[in-house]
Structures are given as C-alpha cells and as structure tokens.
N, C-alpha and C. Protein backbone atom coordinates (compact mmCIF):
# COMPACT_ATOMS: atom_id res chain seq x y z
N MET A 1 -207.64 -42.95 66.30
CA MET A 1 -207.73 -42.00 65.08
C MET A 1 -208.50 -40.64 65.54
N ALA A 2 -207.78 -39.58 65.41
CA ALA A 2 -208.62 -38.08 66.13
C ALA A 2 -209.36 -37.78 65.15
N GLU A 3 -210.78 -37.32 65.62
CA GLU A 3 -211.67 -36.75 64.73
C GLU A 3 -211.10 -35.13 64.29
N LYS A 4 -211.53 -34.70 63.20
CA LYS A 4 -211.50 -33.22 62.90
C LYS A 4 -212.28 -32.28 63.68
N PRO A 5 -211.72 -31.41 64.38
CA PRO A 5 -212.49 -30.59 65.08
C PRO A 5 -213.76 -29.83 64.34
N THR A 6 -214.68 -29.68 64.89
CA THR A 6 -215.86 -28.95 64.22
C THR A 6 -216.02 -27.50 64.49
N LEU A 7 -216.21 -27.15 63.49
CA LEU A 7 -216.19 -25.33 63.53
C LEU A 7 -217.31 -24.96 64.16
N LEU A 8 -217.45 -23.92 65.04
CA LEU A 8 -218.33 -23.42 65.68
C LEU A 8 -218.92 -22.08 65.22
N CYS A 9 -220.24 -21.77 65.18
CA CYS A 9 -220.66 -20.47 64.81
C CYS A 9 -220.15 -19.47 65.87
N SER A 10 -219.68 -18.41 65.50
CA SER A 10 -219.23 -17.21 66.32
C SER A 10 -220.35 -16.71 67.05
N LYS A 11 -221.64 -16.60 66.44
CA LYS A 11 -222.68 -15.94 67.20
C LYS A 11 -223.47 -17.03 68.02
N CYS A 12 -223.70 -18.16 67.61
CA CYS A 12 -224.63 -19.23 68.33
C CYS A 12 -223.75 -20.24 69.04
N GLY A 13 -222.68 -20.51 68.73
CA GLY A 13 -221.85 -21.30 69.46
C GLY A 13 -222.31 -22.91 68.94
N VAL A 14 -223.00 -22.78 67.88
CA VAL A 14 -223.34 -24.30 67.29
C VAL A 14 -222.63 -24.76 66.23
N GLY A 15 -222.25 -25.89 66.20
CA GLY A 15 -221.46 -26.71 65.16
C GLY A 15 -221.93 -26.44 63.76
N LEU A 16 -221.23 -25.89 62.82
CA LEU A 16 -221.35 -25.99 61.40
C LEU A 16 -221.56 -27.12 60.68
N ALA A 17 -222.57 -27.29 59.74
CA ALA A 17 -222.74 -28.40 59.05
C ALA A 17 -222.77 -27.83 57.53
N PHE A 18 -222.40 -28.67 56.59
CA PHE A 18 -222.42 -28.52 55.28
C PHE A 18 -224.06 -28.30 54.77
N ALA A 19 -224.28 -27.25 54.12
CA ALA A 19 -225.58 -26.92 53.41
C ALA A 19 -225.27 -26.33 52.11
N PRO A 20 -226.12 -26.40 51.22
CA PRO A 20 -226.28 -25.78 49.88
C PRO A 20 -226.41 -24.36 50.12
N VAL A 21 -225.74 -23.39 49.76
CA VAL A 21 -225.76 -21.99 49.58
C VAL A 21 -225.80 -21.32 48.52
N THR A 22 -226.62 -20.33 48.26
CA THR A 22 -226.58 -19.59 47.00
C THR A 22 -225.84 -18.32 47.15
N PHE A 23 -224.95 -18.14 46.35
CA PHE A 23 -224.22 -16.88 46.12
C PHE A 23 -224.56 -15.83 44.93
N ARG A 24 -224.55 -14.61 45.26
CA ARG A 24 -225.01 -13.62 44.02
C ARG A 24 -223.96 -12.63 44.17
N TYR A 25 -223.72 -12.22 42.65
CA TYR A 25 -222.89 -11.37 42.46
C TYR A 25 -223.15 -10.83 41.08
N LEU A 26 -223.48 -9.41 40.81
CA LEU A 26 -223.73 -8.82 39.63
C LEU A 26 -225.01 -9.30 38.93
N LYS A 27 -226.15 -9.80 39.68
CA LYS A 27 -227.08 -10.33 39.13
C LYS A 27 -227.05 -11.65 38.68
N ARG A 28 -226.01 -12.38 39.06
CA ARG A 28 -225.93 -13.78 38.67
C ARG A 28 -225.74 -14.55 39.96
N SER A 29 -225.84 -15.58 40.00
CA SER A 29 -225.84 -16.51 41.19
C SER A 29 -225.36 -18.02 41.02
N PHE A 30 -224.83 -18.56 41.89
CA PHE A 30 -224.46 -19.94 41.82
C PHE A 30 -224.65 -20.63 43.27
N ARG A 31 -224.91 -21.97 43.15
CA ARG A 31 -224.82 -22.76 44.42
C ARG A 31 -223.55 -23.26 44.66
N GLN A 32 -223.44 -23.37 45.89
CA GLN A 32 -222.04 -24.19 46.19
C GLN A 32 -222.49 -24.75 48.08
N GLU A 33 -222.08 -25.95 47.99
CA GLU A 33 -221.91 -26.61 49.46
C GLU A 33 -220.98 -26.02 50.24
N ALA A 34 -221.29 -25.43 51.29
CA ALA A 34 -220.58 -24.53 52.39
C ALA A 34 -220.82 -24.98 53.66
N LEU A 35 -220.06 -24.69 54.86
CA LEU A 35 -220.36 -24.85 56.25
C LEU A 35 -221.31 -23.63 56.71
N ARG A 36 -222.57 -24.01 57.31
CA ARG A 36 -223.25 -23.09 57.66
C ARG A 36 -223.80 -23.43 59.01
N CYS A 37 -224.28 -22.41 59.56
CA CYS A 37 -224.78 -22.53 60.95
C CYS A 37 -226.26 -22.93 60.88
N PRO A 38 -226.65 -24.16 61.46
CA PRO A 38 -228.17 -24.55 61.26
C PRO A 38 -229.00 -23.37 61.77
N GLU A 39 -228.51 -22.71 62.87
CA GLU A 39 -229.52 -21.97 63.54
C GLU A 39 -229.64 -20.59 63.07
N CYS A 40 -228.74 -19.83 62.69
CA CYS A 40 -228.76 -18.39 62.13
C CYS A 40 -228.42 -18.28 60.77
N GLY A 41 -227.82 -19.22 60.03
CA GLY A 41 -227.63 -19.30 58.64
C GLY A 41 -226.20 -18.72 58.25
N GLN A 42 -225.50 -18.19 59.24
CA GLN A 42 -224.23 -17.65 59.10
C GLN A 42 -223.27 -18.75 58.23
N VAL A 43 -222.55 -18.44 57.27
CA VAL A 43 -221.79 -19.23 56.30
C VAL A 43 -220.23 -18.81 56.57
N HIS A 44 -219.54 -20.00 56.81
CA HIS A 44 -218.14 -20.05 56.70
C HIS A 44 -217.56 -20.14 55.36
N LEU A 45 -216.69 -19.26 54.96
CA LEU A 45 -216.05 -19.15 53.74
C LEU A 45 -214.67 -19.53 53.82
N PRO A 46 -214.36 -20.67 53.47
CA PRO A 46 -212.78 -20.97 53.38
C PRO A 46 -212.03 -20.17 52.25
N GLU A 47 -210.76 -19.99 52.52
CA GLU A 47 -210.13 -19.26 51.72
C GLU A 47 -209.82 -19.88 50.39
N ASP A 48 -209.98 -21.23 50.16
CA ASP A 48 -209.74 -21.92 48.70
C ASP A 48 -211.12 -21.46 48.04
N LEU A 49 -212.21 -21.55 48.68
CA LEU A 49 -213.42 -21.11 47.95
C LEU A 49 -213.49 -19.85 47.46
N VAL A 50 -213.01 -18.76 48.53
CA VAL A 50 -213.10 -17.22 48.02
C VAL A 50 -211.84 -17.03 47.04
N THR A 51 -210.80 -17.61 47.19
CA THR A 51 -209.90 -17.31 46.25
C THR A 51 -209.74 -18.05 45.05
N GLY A 52 -210.66 -19.02 44.88
CA GLY A 52 -210.68 -20.06 43.80
C GLY A 52 -211.82 -19.79 43.03
N LYS A 53 -212.79 -20.74 43.42
CA LYS A 53 -214.19 -20.45 42.22
C LYS A 53 -214.76 -19.20 42.37
N MET A 54 -214.91 -18.52 43.64
CA MET A 54 -215.57 -17.12 43.47
C MET A 54 -214.74 -15.93 42.94
N LYS A 55 -213.40 -16.18 42.94
CA LYS A 55 -212.72 -15.27 42.09
C LYS A 55 -212.65 -15.36 40.66
N GLU A 56 -212.57 -16.68 40.24
CA GLU A 56 -212.84 -16.86 38.95
C GLU A 56 -214.20 -16.47 38.25
N LEU A 57 -215.58 -16.45 39.12
CA LEU A 57 -216.36 -15.91 38.74
C LEU A 57 -216.64 -14.53 38.51
N GLU A 58 -215.95 -14.05 39.61
CA GLU A 58 -215.84 -12.23 39.77
C GLU A 58 -215.20 -11.69 38.53
N VAL A 59 -214.16 -12.39 38.06
CA VAL A 59 -213.27 -12.10 37.03
C VAL A 59 -214.00 -12.37 35.77
N SER A 60 -214.72 -13.51 35.72
CA SER A 60 -215.46 -13.62 34.12
C SER A 60 -216.66 -12.82 33.97
N LEU A 61 -217.49 -12.46 35.12
CA LEU A 61 -218.61 -11.43 34.98
C LEU A 61 -218.01 -10.02 34.80
N GLU A 62 -216.89 -9.69 35.42
CA GLU A 62 -216.69 -8.45 35.28
C GLU A 62 -215.94 -8.04 33.73
N ASP A 63 -215.51 -9.13 33.27
CA ASP A 63 -214.88 -8.90 32.00
C ASP A 63 -215.99 -9.20 30.82
N LYS A 64 -216.93 -9.23 30.93
CA LYS A 64 -218.32 -9.19 29.88
C LYS A 64 -218.81 -7.87 29.96
C-alpha cells in the first residue's frame, strides 16, 4: 500500500504537520486543525476549508 505524499513547506522544505491554528476575521476568531510548517509556521489552507467553513464564517459575520 502506498503512503500519501507529505506536503512540504515552500519556504523551509520541511514536511507539514497538523497543528491547531487560530484564524481571525472582523475581530472574531476560531481554531481549526490545519497543516502547518513546524519551523516557520506557514499554514497550508486546503480549498475545502477556504470555500467551506471559512466562507460560512465570513458570510455570517458580514451579515451582522
């Protein structure tokens, strides 16, 4: 069985690992597990997170 390839940080070349990340928007914040570089902290945002949960939060906050 083949392993899923590890994503590498474009800055450091180190493998990304899941870590809790705090996102902030319009004075609100939420925490989400995301792939993050253990060296520089750069975060990989997959399309499903951006177009899903983050989009829902953006719409709900701007409607208030």
